[in-house]
């Protein structure tokens, strides 16, 4: 089973996260940020990756430290669970509508981190959570999972719908990228290394 547990404790945050890439989408999220809990639950369900997160932080300052650190830990957990990456599909691509919004997430588990975040969304917040922090969250995931990640929102009006479409598309793209390809022997790279 491709599982991992990662913990991160700093003066600003305390996070414990576990994943099972071969799960059934079971999730338990306790981040102290209700909207993020909802998004992580969607990620788990649509990726079919079991996910448990317990996190707290200095949210009296703002949500930035906790959002970024959860992204760091999630990225580390994905990388650790993938181990040597033998037999994976490597690439994932999903486009998801959410009412008036349309999001596409494309990824490559290449070992070369990069984030393209083309989300022209209205500035604002969801229950005090600035939506601009989701770019920092996904950058932390990409850098620590060592993935090339493109997040593109073609259009959208409602902040909730835009972010929800992104997380659903990320989950479905991740599901495809980490899945095992029965026809792939060894690493999915002509270089022989990812």
C-alpha atoms as a PDB file:
ATOM      1  CA  UNK A   1       0.000   0.000   0.000  1.00  0.00           C
ATOM      2  CA  UNK A   2       1.249   3.469  -0.916  1.00  0.00           C
ATOM      3  CA  UNK A   3       0.752   5.311   2.361  1.00  0.00           C
ATOM      4  CA  UNK A   4       2.546   8.040   4.272  1.00  0.00           C
ATOM      5  CA  UNK A   5       2.355  10.060   7.465  1.00  0.00           C
ATOM      6  CA  UNK A   6       3.932  13.492   7.792  1.00  0.00           C
ATOM      7  CA  UNK A   7       4.095  15.824  10.763  1.00  0.00           C
ATOM      8  CA  UNK A   8       5.235  19.427  10.889  1.00  0.00           C
ATOM      9  CA  UNK A   9       5.499  21.470  14.051  1.00  0.00           C
ATOM     10  CA  UNK A  10       6.760  25.047  14.058  1.00  0.00           C
ATOM     11  CA  UNK A  11       6.245  28.058  16.300  1.00  0.00           C
ATOM     12  CA  UNK A  12       3.333  28.975  14.020  1.00  0.00           C
ATOM     13  CA  UNK A  13       1.650  25.665  13.141  1.00  0.00           C
ATOM     14  CA  UNK A  14       1.170  22.069  14.293  1.00  0.00           C
ATOM     15  CA  UNK A  15       0.120  19.649  11.540  1.00  0.00           C
ATOM     16  CA  UNK A  16      -0.307  15.881  11.285  1.00  0.00           C
ATOM     17  CA  UNK A  17      -1.385  14.393   7.936  1.00  0.00           C
ATOM     18  CA  UNK A  18      -1.718  10.876   6.568  1.00  0.00           C
ATOM     19  CA  UNK A  19      -2.668   9.660   3.102  1.00  0.00           C
ATOM     20  CA  UNK A  20      -3.289   6.382   1.339  1.00  0.00           C
ATOM     21  CA  UNK A  21      -2.976   6.703  -2.439  1.00  0.00           C
ATOM     22  CA  UNK A  22      -4.809   3.390  -2.875  1.00  0.00           C
ATOM     23  CA  UNK A  23      -7.738   4.346  -0.667  1.00  0.00           C
ATOM     24  CA  UNK A  24     -11.423   4.871  -1.210  1.00  0.00           C
ATOM     25  CA  UNK A  25     -11.728   8.618  -0.602  1.00  0.00           C
ATOM     26  CA  UNK A  26     -12.253   8.416   3.156  1.00  0.00           C
ATOM     27  CA  UNK A  27     -11.418  11.671   4.855  1.00  0.00           C
ATOM     28  CA  UNK A  28     -11.213  13.381   8.214  1.00  0.00           C
ATOM     29  CA  UNK A  29     -10.156  17.007   8.104  1.00  0.00           C
ATOM     30  CA  UNK A  30      -9.719  19.209  11.160  1.00  0.00           C
ATOM     31  CA  UNK A  31      -7.762  22.284  10.105  1.00  0.00           C
ATOM     32  CA  UNK A  32      -9.669  24.931  12.097  1.00  0.00           C
ATOM     33  CA  UNK A  33     -10.517  26.541   8.726  1.00  0.00           C
ATOM     34  CA  UNK A  34     -14.013  25.264   7.819  1.00  0.00           C
ATOM     35  CA  UNK A  35     -13.823  26.158   4.121  1.00  0.00           C
ATOM     36  CA  UNK A  36     -10.438  24.448   3.752  1.00  0.00           C
ATOM     37  CA  UNK A  37     -11.837  21.361   5.514  1.00  0.00           C
ATOM     38  CA  UNK A  38     -14.602  21.296   2.894  1.00  0.00           C
ATOM     39  CA  UNK A  39     -12.092  21.636   0.029  1.00  0.00           C
ATOM     40  CA  UNK A  40      -9.785  18.913   1.382  1.00  0.00           C
ATOM     41  CA  UNK A  41     -12.777  16.598   1.744  1.00  0.00           C
ATOM     42  CA  UNK A  42     -13.614  17.214  -1.928  1.00  0.00           C
ATOM     43  CA  UNK A  43      -9.991  16.564  -2.898  1.00  0.00           C
ATOM     44  CA  UNK A  44     -10.042  13.251  -1.043  1.00  0.00           C
ATOM     45  CA  UNK A  45     -13.373  12.156  -2.510  1.00  0.00           C
ATOM     46  CA  UNK A  46     -12.506  13.020  -6.113  1.00  0.00           C
ATOM     47  CA  UNK A  47      -8.982  11.580  -5.946  1.00  0.00           C
ATOM     48  CA  UNK A  48     -10.163   8.484  -4.038  1.00  0.00           C
ATOM     49  CA  UNK A  49      -7.155   9.071  -1.768  1.00  0.00           C
ATOM     50  CA  UNK A  50      -7.762   8.508   1.937  1.00  0.00           C
ATOM     51  CA  UNK A  51      -6.809  11.680   3.785  1.00  0.00           C
ATOM     52  CA  UNK A  52      -6.630  12.566   7.473  1.00  0.00           C
ATOM     53  CA  UNK A  53      -5.508  16.030   8.549  1.00  0.00           C
ATOM     54  CA  UNK A  54      -5.298  17.544  12.015  1.00  0.00           C
ATOM     55  CA  UNK A  55      -3.907  21.063  11.997  1.00  0.00           C
ATOM     56  CA  UNK A  56      -3.823  24.161  14.139  1.00  0.00           C
ATOM     57  CA  UNK A  57      -1.943  27.407  13.898  1.00  0.00           C
ATOM     58  CA  UNK A  58      -1.756  31.099  14.644  1.00  0.00           C
ATOM     59  CA  UNK A  59      -5.010  31.915  12.865  1.00  0.00           C
ATOM     60  CA  UNK A  60      -5.466  34.864  15.201  1.00  0.00           C
ATOM     61  CA  UNK A  61      -2.752  36.512  13.056  1.00  0.00           C
ATOM     62  CA  UNK A  62      -4.252  35.337   9.759  1.00  0.00           C
ATOM     63  CA  UNK A  63      -4.637  32.100   7.795  1.00  0.00           C
ATOM     64  CA  UNK A  64      -1.455  32.335   5.705  1.00  0.00           C
ATOM     65  CA  UNK A  65       0.924  30.274   7.872  1.00  0.00           C
ATOM     66  CA  UNK A  66      -1.557  27.432   8.331  1.00  0.00           C
ATOM     67  CA  UNK A  67      -2.653  27.333   4.678  1.00  0.00           C
ATOM     68  CA  UNK A  68       0.911  27.272   3.378  1.00  0.00           C
ATOM     69  CA  UNK A  69       2.119  24.719   5.926  1.00  0.00           C
ATOM     70  CA  UNK A  70      -0.781  22.358   5.181  1.00  0.00           C
ATOM     71  CA  UNK A  71       0.216  22.622   1.508  1.00  0.00           C
ATOM     72  CA  UNK A  72       3.820  21.800   2.435  1.00  0.00           C
ATOM     73  CA  UNK A  73       2.780  18.740   4.444  1.00  0.00           C
ATOM     74  CA  UNK A  74       0.329  17.503   1.795  1.00  0.00           C
ATOM     75  CA  UNK A  75       3.031  17.802  -0.877  1.00  0.00           C
ATOM     76  CA  UNK A  76       5.557  15.945   1.297  1.00  0.00           C
ATOM     77  CA  UNK A  77       3.002  13.197   1.978  1.00  0.00           C
ATOM     78  CA  UNK A  78       2.261  12.715  -1.731  1.00  0.00           C
ATOM     79  CA  UNK A  79       5.980  12.516  -2.559  1.00  0.00           C
ATOM     80  CA  UNK A  80       6.668  10.084   0.280  1.00  0.00           C
ATOM     81  CA  UNK A  81       3.704   7.821  -0.607  1.00  0.00           C
ATOM     82  CA  UNK A  82       4.792   7.687  -4.261  1.00  0.00           C
ATOM     83  CA  UNK A  83       8.184   6.314  -3.184  1.00  0.00           C
ATOM     84  CA  UNK A  84      10.143   5.527  -6.360  1.00  0.00           C
ATOM     85  CA  UNK A  85       7.163   6.250  -8.686  1.00  0.00           C
ATOM     86  CA  UNK A  86       7.507   2.985 -10.591  1.00  0.00           C
ATOM     87  CA  UNK A  87       4.512   2.098 -12.723  1.00  0.00           C
ATOM     88  CA  UNK A  88       2.542   5.328 -12.200  1.00  0.00           C
ATOM     89  CA  UNK A  89       0.771   7.115 -15.035  1.00  0.00           C
ATOM     90  CA  UNK A  90       2.677  10.292 -14.055  1.00  0.00           C
ATOM     91  CA  UNK A  91       0.399  12.754 -15.870  1.00  0.00           C
ATOM     92  CA  UNK A  92      -3.060  13.896 -14.830  1.00  0.00           C
ATOM     93  CA  UNK A  93      -5.566  16.187 -16.494  1.00  0.00           C
ATOM     94  CA  UNK A  94      -9.084  17.091 -15.386  1.00  0.00           C
ATOM     95  CA  UNK A  95     -11.555  19.818 -16.257  1.00  0.00           C
ATOM     96  CA  UNK A  96     -14.448  20.379 -13.866  1.00  0.00           C
ATOM     97  CA  UNK A  97     -17.440  22.726 -14.087  1.00  0.00           C
ATOM     98  CA  UNK A  98     -19.104  24.159 -10.988  1.00  0.00           C
ATOM     99  CA  UNK A  99     -22.181  26.047 -12.078  1.00  0.00           C
ATOM    100  CA  UNK A 100     -20.830  29.187 -13.827  1.00  0.00           C
ATOM    101  CA  UNK A 101     -17.148  28.321 -13.169  1.00  0.00           C
ATOM    102  CA  UNK A 102     -14.811  26.076 -15.146  1.00  0.00           C
ATOM    103  CA  UNK A 103     -11.432  24.886 -13.819  1.00  0.00           C
ATOM    104  CA  UNK A 104      -8.738  22.725 -15.369  1.00  0.00           C
ATOM    105  CA  UNK A 105      -5.844  21.154 -13.479  1.00  0.00           C
ATOM    106  CA  UNK A 106      -2.981  19.465 -15.311  1.00  0.00           C
ATOM    107  CA  UNK A 107      -0.046  17.871 -13.516  1.00  0.00           C
ATOM    108  CA  UNK A 108       3.154  15.965 -14.132  1.00  0.00           C
ATOM    109  CA  UNK A 109       4.791  14.098 -11.250  1.00  0.00           C
ATOM    110  CA  UNK A 110       8.102  14.861 -12.917  1.00  0.00           C
ATOM    111  CA  UNK A 111      10.302  15.604  -9.924  1.00  0.00           C
ATOM    112  CA  UNK A 112      10.594  19.191 -11.184  1.00  0.00           C
ATOM    113  CA  UNK A 113       8.383  21.536  -9.164  1.00  0.00           C
ATOM    114  CA  UNK A 114       6.624  24.382 -10.930  1.00  0.00           C
ATOM    115  CA  UNK A 115       3.279  26.120 -10.529  1.00  0.00           C
ATOM    116  CA  UNK A 116       1.309  27.974 -13.166  1.00  0.00           C
ATOM    117  CA  UNK A 117      -1.740  29.538 -11.513  1.00  0.00           C
ATOM    118  CA  UNK A 118      -3.992  31.284 -14.035  1.00  0.00           C
ATOM    119  CA  UNK A 119      -6.963  32.168 -11.896  1.00  0.00           C
ATOM    120  CA  UNK A 120      -8.397  35.588 -12.553  1.00  0.00           C
ATOM    121  CA  UNK A 121     -10.865  35.638  -9.739  1.00  0.00           C
ATOM    122  CA  UNK A 122     -12.486  38.535  -7.977  1.00  0.00           C
ATOM    123  CA  UNK A 123     -10.603  39.526  -4.849  1.00  0.00           C
ATOM    124  CA  UNK A 124     -12.402  38.580  -1.693  1.00  0.00           C
ATOM    125  CA  UNK A 125     -12.717  36.144   1.136  1.00  0.00           C
ATOM    126  CA  UNK A 126     -14.810  33.186   2.187  1.00  0.00           C
ATOM    127  CA  UNK A 127     -15.657  33.420   5.895  1.00  0.00           C
ATOM    128  CA  UNK A 128     -12.532  35.501   6.447  1.00  0.00           C
ATOM    129  CA  UNK A 129     -10.267  33.283   4.316  1.00  0.00           C
ATOM    130  CA  UNK A 130      -8.643  35.322   1.545  1.00  0.00           C
ATOM    131  CA  UNK A 131      -8.985  33.380  -1.705  1.00  0.00           C
ATOM    132  CA  UNK A 132      -5.531  34.597  -2.795  1.00  0.00           C
ATOM    133  CA  UNK A 133      -4.072  32.162  -0.219  1.00  0.00           C
ATOM    134  CA  UNK A 134      -5.048  29.203  -2.391  1.00  0.00           C
ATOM    135  CA  UNK A 135      -2.250  30.091  -4.811  1.00  0.00           C
ATOM    136  CA  UNK A 136       0.212  29.868  -1.900  1.00  0.00           C
ATOM    137  CA  UNK A 137      -1.360  26.546  -0.861  1.00  0.00           C
ATOM    138  CA  UNK A 138      -0.955  25.006  -4.327  1.00  0.00           C
ATOM    139  CA  UNK A 139       2.578  26.397  -4.705  1.00  0.00           C
ATOM    140  CA  UNK A 140       3.517  24.667  -1.449  1.00  0.00           C
ATOM    141  CA  UNK A 141       1.929  21.406  -2.648  1.00  0.00           C
ATOM    142  CA  UNK A 142       3.723  21.561  -6.018  1.00  0.00           C
ATOM    143  CA  UNK A 143       7.119  22.428  -4.522  1.00  0.00           C
ATOM    144  CA  UNK A 144       6.999  19.699  -1.894  1.00  0.00           C
ATOM    145  CA  UNK A 145       5.420  16.959  -4.024  1.00  0.00           C
ATOM    146  CA  UNK A 146       7.964  17.845  -6.749  1.00  0.00           C
ATOM    147  CA  UNK A 147       5.159  18.195  -9.278  1.00  0.00           C
ATOM    148  CA  UNK A 148       4.650  20.421 -12.275  1.00  0.00           C
ATOM    149  CA  UNK A 149       1.168  21.853 -11.661  1.00  0.00           C
ATOM    150  CA  UNK A 150      -1.015  24.020 -13.884  1.00  0.00           C
ATOM    151  CA  UNK A 151      -4.235  25.443 -12.435  1.00  0.00           C
ATOM    152  CA  UNK A 152      -6.357  27.296 -14.977  1.00  0.00           C
ATOM    153  CA  UNK A 153      -9.787  28.829 -14.458  1.00  0.00           C
ATOM    154  CA  UNK A 154     -11.342  29.768 -17.783  1.00  0.00           C
ATOM    155  CA  UNK A 155     -14.157  31.733 -16.182  1.00  0.00           C
ATOM    156  CA  UNK A 156     -16.201  32.045 -13.043  1.00  0.00           C
ATOM    157  CA  UNK A 157     -18.054  34.535 -10.862  1.00  0.00           C
ATOM    158  CA  UNK A 158     -18.718  33.006  -7.455  1.00  0.00           C
ATOM    159  CA  UNK A 159     -15.595  32.596  -5.289  1.00  0.00           C
ATOM    160  CA  UNK A 160     -16.877  29.403  -3.671  1.00  0.00           C
ATOM    161  CA  UNK A 161     -17.615  27.830  -7.055  1.00  0.00           C
ATOM    162  CA  UNK A 162     -14.216  28.827  -8.495  1.00  0.00           C
ATOM    163  CA  UNK A 163     -12.237  27.313  -5.609  1.00  0.00           C
ATOM    164  CA  UNK A 164     -14.458  24.234  -5.440  1.00  0.00           C
ATOM    165  CA  UNK A 165     -13.993  23.550  -9.156  1.00  0.00           C
ATOM    166  CA  UNK A 166     -10.208  23.844  -8.675  1.00  0.00           C
ATOM    167  CA  UNK A 167     -10.117  21.338  -5.812  1.00  0.00           C
ATOM    168  CA  UNK A 168     -12.338  18.841  -7.601  1.00  0.00           C
ATOM    169  CA  UNK A 169     -10.188  19.107 -10.734  1.00  0.00           C
ATOM    170  CA  UNK A 170      -7.007  18.792  -8.659  1.00  0.00           C
ATOM    171  CA  UNK A 171      -8.367  15.646  -7.003  1.00  0.00           C
ATOM    172  CA  UNK A 172      -9.325  14.039 -10.312  1.00  0.00           C
ATOM    173  CA  UNK A 173      -6.030  14.990 -11.951  1.00  0.00           C
ATOM    174  CA  UNK A 174      -4.082  13.616  -8.972  1.00  0.00           C
ATOM    175  CA  UNK A 175      -6.086  10.383  -9.100  1.00  0.00           C
ATOM    176  CA  UNK A 176      -5.062   9.889 -12.716  1.00  0.00           C
ATOM    177  CA  UNK A 177      -1.386  10.808 -12.182  1.00  0.00           C
ATOM    178  CA  UNK A 178      -0.782   8.510  -9.186  1.00  0.00           C
ATOM    179  CA  UNK A 179      -2.737   5.573 -10.599  1.00  0.00           C
ATOM    180  CA  UNK A 180      -0.785   2.516 -11.636  1.00  0.00           C
ATOM    181  CA  UNK A 181      -0.509   1.781 -15.343  1.00  0.00           C
ATOM    182  CA  UNK A 182      -0.458  -2.001 -15.878  1.00  0.00           C
ATOM    183  CA  UNK A 183       1.451  -1.523 -19.141  1.00  0.00           C
ATOM    184  CA  UNK A 184       4.218   0.570 -17.563  1.00  0.00           C
ATOM    185  CA  UNK A 185       7.288  -1.300 -16.447  1.00  0.00           C
ATOM    186  CA  UNK A 186       9.591   0.753 -14.247  1.00  0.00           C
ATOM    187  CA  UNK A 187       9.598   4.543 -14.298  1.00  0.00           C
ATOM    188  CA  UNK A 188       7.482   6.488 -16.804  1.00  0.00           C
ATOM    189  CA  UNK A 189      10.469   8.425 -18.154  1.00  0.00           C
ATOM    190  CA  UNK A 190      13.006   7.944 -20.945  1.00  0.00           C
ATOM    191  CA  UNK A 191      15.603   9.400 -18.569  1.00  0.00           C
ATOM    192  CA  UNK A 192      15.171   6.495 -16.173  1.00  0.00           C
ATOM    193  CA  UNK A 193      14.670   8.900 -13.279  1.00  0.00           C
ATOM    194  CA  UNK A 194      11.880  11.101 -11.961  1.00  0.00           C
END
